[in-house]
Structure formats: C-alpha cells, structure tokens
Protein backbone atom coordinates (compact mmCIF):
# COMPACT_ATOMS: atom_id res chain seq x y z
CA MET A 1 19.10 -0.57 -8.45
CA ILE A 2 17.02 -3.71 -8.35
CA MET A 3 13.79 -3.53 -6.39
CA LYS A 4 13.84 -6.44 -3.96
CA LYS A 5 10.51 -7.50 -2.49
CA ASN A 6 10.06 -6.05 0.98
CA MET A 7 6.34 -6.58 1.60
CA GLY A 8 4.75 -9.72 2.99
CA SER A 9 1.28 -11.02 2.27
CA ALA A 10 -0.25 -9.59 5.46
CA ASP A 11 1.12 -6.14 4.61
CA LYS A 12 -0.27 -6.36 1.07
CA THR A 13 -3.69 -7.49 2.33
CA VAL A 14 -3.93 -4.60 4.80
CA ARG A 15 -3.00 -2.12 2.05
CA PHE A 16 -5.66 -3.53 -0.30
CA LEU A 17 -8.30 -3.32 2.44
CA VAL A 18 -7.38 0.26 3.35
CA ALA A 19 -7.43 1.23 -0.34
CA ALA A 20 -10.85 -0.39 -0.78
CA VAL A 21 -12.29 1.45 2.24
CA ILE A 22 -10.91 4.77 0.98
CA ALA A 23 -12.36 4.15 -2.50
CA ILE A 24 -15.77 3.24 -1.07
CA LEU A 25 -15.81 6.33 1.16
CA PHE A 26 -14.80 8.54 -1.77
CA PHE A 27 -17.33 7.19 -4.25
CA THR A 28 -20.17 7.34 -1.71
CA ASN A 29 -19.27 11.00 -1.02
CA VAL A 30 -18.41 10.41 2.63
CA ILE A 31 -15.04 12.01 1.94
CA SER A 32 -14.71 14.61 -0.79
CA GLY A 33 -12.79 17.65 -1.92
CA THR A 34 -9.04 17.94 -1.51
CA LEU A 35 -8.94 15.40 1.32
CA GLY A 36 -10.84 12.89 -0.80
CA ILE A 37 -8.50 13.32 -3.75
CA VAL A 38 -5.38 13.04 -1.59
CA LEU A 39 -6.71 9.88 0.07
CA LEU A 40 -7.70 8.42 -3.31
CA VAL A 41 -4.16 8.98 -4.61
CA LEU A 42 -2.80 7.36 -1.45
CA ALA A 43 -5.10 4.39 -2.05
CA GLY A 44 -3.72 4.11 -5.59
CA VAL A 45 -0.17 4.09 -4.23
CA PHE A 46 -1.16 1.36 -1.75
CA VAL A 47 -2.56 -0.80 -4.55
CA LEU A 48 0.47 -0.21 -6.78
CA THR A 49 2.97 -1.05 -4.06
CA SER A 50 0.97 -4.15 -3.18
CA PHE A 51 1.12 -5.40 -6.76
CA ILE A 52 4.87 -4.94 -7.03
CA SER A 53 5.52 -6.08 -3.42
CA PHE A 54 7.89 -3.19 -2.88
CA CYS A 55 7.44 -0.13 -0.70
CA PRO A 56 9.99 2.62 -1.38
CA LEU A 57 9.50 4.03 2.14
CA TYR A 58 10.59 0.71 3.66
CA ALA A 59 13.94 0.66 1.81
CA PRO A 60 15.81 3.48 3.63
CA PHE A 61 14.75 2.07 7.00
CA LYS A 62 15.57 -1.53 5.94
CA ILE A 63 12.05 -2.69 6.83
CA ASN A 64 11.10 -6.05 5.38
CA THR A 65 7.78 -7.76 6.10
CA CYS A 66 8.45 -10.74 3.81
CA LYS A 67 8.83 -14.11 5.41
CA THR A 68 12.40 -15.33 5.19
CA GLU A 69 13.19 -18.97 4.61
CA LYS A 70 15.84 -20.55 6.80
CA VAL A 71 18.37 -22.60 4.88
C-alpha cells in the first residue's frame, strides 16, 4: 500500500502549532504526569504525520485536505 498525501499545508501548520503548544506546556510543567506524557506522544505523532503529509486516521474516512489541481 502506497501512502498518498492526504494533508494540506493548513492542516500541517495547525498540527505543528498544536504540537509546539503541548511541548511548551509540558516543559514548563503546566501539564505533567500521565496526561503530560500522553499529550507529548500525541504531539510527536502530529509532527511525524505533518512531515510525511499523511494521516492514517484520514484514510479510512477518505478525508483529504490537500488542494487538488483541476486539469
């Protein structure tokens, strides 16, 4: 199975911003413990999916936020 891009630039930007906020809150001890670790892992997933422009949760629902070019 080939991973086809399904994330647009706005989606990737929002994910990076959310990940940055979570990281800042974690490292300034605003969030901590189990919740902090879970959110930090989620932030890592957001960054990873942004880099590869593919979200596995979008695939089963056929969600695509990429701009399509009309030919």
